[in-house]
Amino acid sequence: MIKPSPFAILGDPEEIARAEKATEIAWSYVEAGVPSADKERQRMRLVYVVVSLAIERVDEPADLAHRAIHRFQERQRRR
């Protein structure tokens, strides 16, 4: 069974591409601080952070990535 991409909720191919690019930018920034055993789960969590932010408003990938990094790290600190 193939799981649908969380990005699919965005609908518009341009929005999806922006969110995917933002995820790559954000992940390249936070990945080093994520334990190896937890990388897959944390990357998926970041994807959902990016998608939730992308739904709120349209940003350029770098701006969206910056907001996603902030939210990702903020939630990480609370744990």
N, C-alpha and C. Protein backbone atom coordinates (compact mmCIF):
# COMPACT_ATOMS: atom_id res chain seq x y z
N MET A 1 0.84 -1.18 0.00
CA MET A 1 0.00 0.00 0.00
C MET A 1 0.88 1.24 0.00
N ILE A 2 0.61 2.17 -0.87
CA ILE A 2 1.39 3.40 -0.99
C ILE A 2 0.73 4.48 -0.15
N LYS A 3 1.54 5.09 0.72
CA LYS A 3 1.02 6.18 1.54
C LYS A 3 1.02 7.46 0.72
N PRO A 4 -0.04 8.26 0.82
CA PRO A 4 -0.05 9.53 0.10
C PRO A 4 0.96 10.50 0.72
N SER A 5 1.51 11.34 -0.09
CA SER A 5 2.46 12.34 0.37
C SER A 5 1.74 13.40 1.19
N PRO A 6 2.31 13.81 2.32
CA PRO A 6 1.69 14.89 3.10
C PRO A 6 1.60 16.18 2.30
N PHE A 7 2.47 16.34 1.30
CA PHE A 7 2.45 17.55 0.48
C PHE A 7 1.21 17.62 -0.42
N ALA A 8 0.59 16.48 -0.69
CA ALA A 8 -0.55 16.43 -1.60
C ALA A 8 -1.71 17.31 -1.14
N ILE A 9 -1.81 17.54 0.16
CA ILE A 9 -2.90 18.37 0.67
C ILE A 9 -2.81 19.81 0.14
N LEU A 10 -1.63 20.23 -0.28
CA LEU A 10 -1.46 21.58 -0.79
C LEU A 10 -2.12 21.76 -2.15
N GLY A 11 -2.26 20.67 -2.89
CA GLY A 11 -2.99 20.71 -4.16
C GLY A 11 -2.22 21.28 -5.33
N ASP A 12 -1.87 22.54 -5.30
CA ASP A 12 -1.21 23.21 -6.41
C ASP A 12 0.23 22.73 -6.56
N PRO A 13 0.62 22.31 -7.77
CA PRO A 13 1.98 21.81 -7.99
C PRO A 13 3.07 22.82 -7.59
N GLU A 14 2.82 24.11 -7.79
CA GLU A 14 3.81 25.12 -7.39
C GLU A 14 3.95 25.19 -5.88
N GLU A 15 2.84 25.09 -5.16
CA GLU A 15 2.87 25.09 -3.70
C GLU A 15 3.60 23.84 -3.18
N ILE A 16 3.32 22.73 -3.81
CA ILE A 16 3.98 21.48 -3.42
C ILE A 16 5.49 21.60 -3.63
N ALA A 17 5.89 22.11 -4.78
CA ALA A 17 7.32 22.27 -5.07
C ALA A 17 7.99 23.21 -4.06
N ARG A 18 7.32 24.31 -3.71
CA ARG A 18 7.86 25.23 -2.71
C ARG A 18 8.03 24.54 -1.36
N ALA A 19 7.03 23.79 -0.96
CA ALA A 19 7.07 23.10 0.33
C ALA A 19 8.15 22.02 0.34
N GLU A 20 8.29 21.30 -0.75
CA GLU A 20 9.34 20.28 -0.83
C GLU A 20 10.72 20.92 -0.75
N LYS A 21 10.91 22.03 -1.46
CA LYS A 21 12.20 22.74 -1.42
C LYS A 21 12.46 23.26 -0.02
N ALA A 22 11.45 23.83 0.61
CA ALA A 22 11.59 24.34 1.97
C ALA A 22 11.96 23.21 2.93
N THR A 23 11.39 22.04 2.74
CA THR A 23 11.71 20.90 3.59
C THR A 23 13.18 20.52 3.43
N GLU A 24 13.66 20.48 2.21
CA GLU A 24 15.06 20.15 1.97
C GLU A 24 15.99 21.17 2.62
N ILE A 25 15.66 22.45 2.49
CA ILE A 25 16.48 23.50 3.10
C ILE A 25 16.47 23.35 4.62
N ALA A 26 15.29 23.21 5.19
CA ALA A 26 15.16 23.11 6.64
C ALA A 26 15.85 21.85 7.17
N TRP A 27 15.66 20.73 6.48
CA TRP A 27 16.26 19.48 6.94
C TRP A 27 17.79 19.57 6.91
N SER A 28 18.34 20.20 5.89
CA SER A 28 19.79 20.32 5.81
C SER A 28 20.33 21.14 7.00
N TYR A 29 19.50 21.99 7.53
CA TYR A 29 19.89 22.81 8.69
C TYR A 29 19.78 22.04 10.00
N VAL A 30 18.72 21.27 10.18
CA VAL A 30 18.48 20.62 11.48
C VAL A 30 18.97 19.18 11.57
N GLU A 31 19.25 18.55 10.46
CA GLU A 31 19.57 17.13 10.44
C GLU A 31 20.73 16.76 11.37
N ALA A 32 21.77 17.57 11.41
CA ALA A 32 22.95 17.24 12.22
C ALA A 32 22.62 17.12 13.70
N GLY A 33 21.58 17.81 14.16
CA GLY A 33 21.21 17.76 15.56
C GLY A 33 20.22 16.67 15.91
N VAL A 34 19.88 15.84 14.94
CA VAL A 34 18.90 14.77 15.15
C VAL A 34 19.64 13.44 15.30
N PRO A 35 19.38 12.70 16.38
CA PRO A 35 20.04 11.40 16.55
C PRO A 35 19.74 10.47 15.36
N SER A 36 20.74 9.70 14.97
CA SER A 36 20.61 8.81 13.80
C SER A 36 19.38 7.91 13.87
N ALA A 37 19.13 7.36 15.05
CA ALA A 37 18.00 6.44 15.20
C ALA A 37 16.65 7.12 15.04
N ASP A 38 16.63 8.43 15.12
CA ASP A 38 15.36 9.18 15.09
C ASP A 38 15.19 10.01 13.81
N LYS A 39 16.15 9.90 12.88
CA LYS A 39 16.13 10.76 11.69
C LYS A 39 14.86 10.62 10.86
N GLU A 40 14.42 9.41 10.59
CA GLU A 40 13.25 9.22 9.73
C GLU A 40 12.00 9.85 10.36
N ARG A 41 11.80 9.59 11.64
CA ARG A 41 10.62 10.14 12.33
C ARG A 41 10.67 11.66 12.40
N GLN A 42 11.84 12.20 12.69
CA GLN A 42 11.97 13.65 12.81
C GLN A 42 11.87 14.35 11.45
N ARG A 43 12.34 13.70 10.41
CA ARG A 43 12.19 14.28 9.08
C ARG A 43 10.71 14.34 8.71
N MET A 44 9.98 13.28 9.02
CA MET A 44 8.54 13.30 8.73
C MET A 44 7.83 14.36 9.56
N ARG A 45 8.26 14.54 10.80
CA ARG A 45 7.68 15.59 11.63
C ARG A 45 7.94 16.95 11.01
N LEU A 46 9.15 17.15 10.47
CA LEU A 46 9.47 18.40 9.81
C LEU A 46 8.60 18.61 8.57
N VAL A 47 8.36 17.54 7.82
CA VAL A 47 7.48 17.64 6.65
C VAL A 47 6.12 18.18 7.06
N TYR A 48 5.56 17.64 8.14
CA TYR A 48 4.25 18.10 8.60
C TYR A 48 4.29 19.53 9.10
N VAL A 49 5.40 19.93 9.70
CA VAL A 49 5.56 21.33 10.12
C VAL A 49 5.54 22.23 8.88
N VAL A 50 6.30 21.86 7.87
CA VAL A 50 6.35 22.66 6.63
C VAL A 50 4.97 22.74 5.99
N VAL A 51 4.30 21.61 5.88
CA VAL A 51 2.97 21.60 5.25
C VAL A 51 2.00 22.48 6.03
N SER A 52 2.02 22.38 7.35
CA SER A 52 1.10 23.21 8.14
C SER A 52 1.39 24.69 7.95
N LEU A 53 2.65 25.05 7.84
CA LEU A 53 3.01 26.45 7.60
C LEU A 53 2.66 26.88 6.18
N ALA A 54 2.83 25.98 5.23
CA ALA A 54 2.52 26.30 3.83
C ALA A 54 1.03 26.51 3.63
N ILE A 55 0.22 25.82 4.41
CA ILE A 55 -1.24 26.00 4.31
C ILE A 55 -1.63 27.40 4.80
N GLU A 56 -0.92 27.89 5.81
CA GLU A 56 -1.23 29.20 6.39
C GLU A 56 -1.01 30.34 5.41
N ARG A 57 0.11 30.28 4.69
CA ARG A 57 0.40 31.35 3.73
C ARG A 57 1.46 30.89 2.75
N VAL A 58 1.54 31.60 1.63
CA VAL A 58 2.51 31.26 0.59
C VAL A 58 3.78 32.06 0.85
N ASP A 59 4.87 31.36 0.97
CA ASP A 59 6.19 31.97 1.14
C ASP A 59 7.14 31.40 0.10
N GLU A 60 8.23 32.10 -0.08
CA GLU A 60 9.33 31.53 -0.86
C GLU A 60 9.91 30.38 -0.05
N PRO A 61 10.52 29.40 -0.70
CA PRO A 61 11.05 28.25 0.02
C PRO A 61 11.98 28.60 1.18
N ALA A 62 12.86 29.57 0.99
CA ALA A 62 13.80 29.93 2.06
C ALA A 62 13.06 30.51 3.27
N ASP A 63 12.05 31.35 3.04
CA ASP A 63 11.26 31.91 4.14
C ASP A 63 10.46 30.83 4.85
N LEU A 64 9.87 29.96 4.07
CA LEU A 64 9.09 28.85 4.63
C LEU A 64 10.02 27.94 5.44
N ALA A 65 11.20 27.67 4.92
CA ALA A 65 12.17 26.84 5.64
C ALA A 65 12.56 27.49 6.96
N HIS A 66 12.80 28.78 6.95
CA HIS A 66 13.17 29.49 8.17
C HIS A 66 12.08 29.39 9.22
N ARG A 67 10.84 29.58 8.83
CA ARG A 67 9.72 29.47 9.78
C ARG A 67 9.59 28.04 10.28
N ALA A 68 9.80 27.06 9.39
CA ALA A 68 9.69 25.65 9.78
C ALA A 68 10.80 25.27 10.77
N ILE A 69 12.01 25.74 10.52
CA ILE A 69 13.12 25.46 11.45
C ILE A 69 12.78 26.00 12.82
N HIS A 70 12.29 27.22 12.87
CA HIS A 70 11.94 27.83 14.15
C HIS A 70 10.89 27.01 14.88
N ARG A 71 9.83 26.62 14.19
CA ARG A 71 8.76 25.85 14.83
C ARG A 71 9.24 24.45 15.23
N PHE A 72 10.01 23.82 14.36
CA PHE A 72 10.56 22.48 14.63
C PHE A 72 11.40 22.51 15.90
N GLN A 73 12.30 23.48 15.99
CA GLN A 73 13.19 23.57 17.15
C GLN A 73 12.43 23.98 18.40
N GLU A 74 11.44 24.84 18.24
CA GLU A 74 10.63 25.27 19.39
C GLU A 74 9.92 24.08 20.02
N ARG A 75 9.34 23.25 19.22
CA ARG A 75 8.63 22.06 19.73
C ARG A 75 9.62 21.05 20.29
N GLN A 76 10.81 20.98 19.72
CA GLN A 76 11.84 20.05 20.19
C GLN A 76 12.27 20.44 21.62
N ARG A 77 12.38 21.72 21.89
CA ARG A 77 12.81 22.20 23.21
C ARG A 77 11.79 21.88 24.29
N ARG A 78 10.52 21.83 23.91
CA ARG A 78 9.45 21.58 24.89
C ARG A 78 9.40 20.13 25.33
N ARG A 79 10.04 19.25 24.61
CA ARG A 79 9.97 17.80 24.91
C ARG A 79 10.93 17.44 26.00
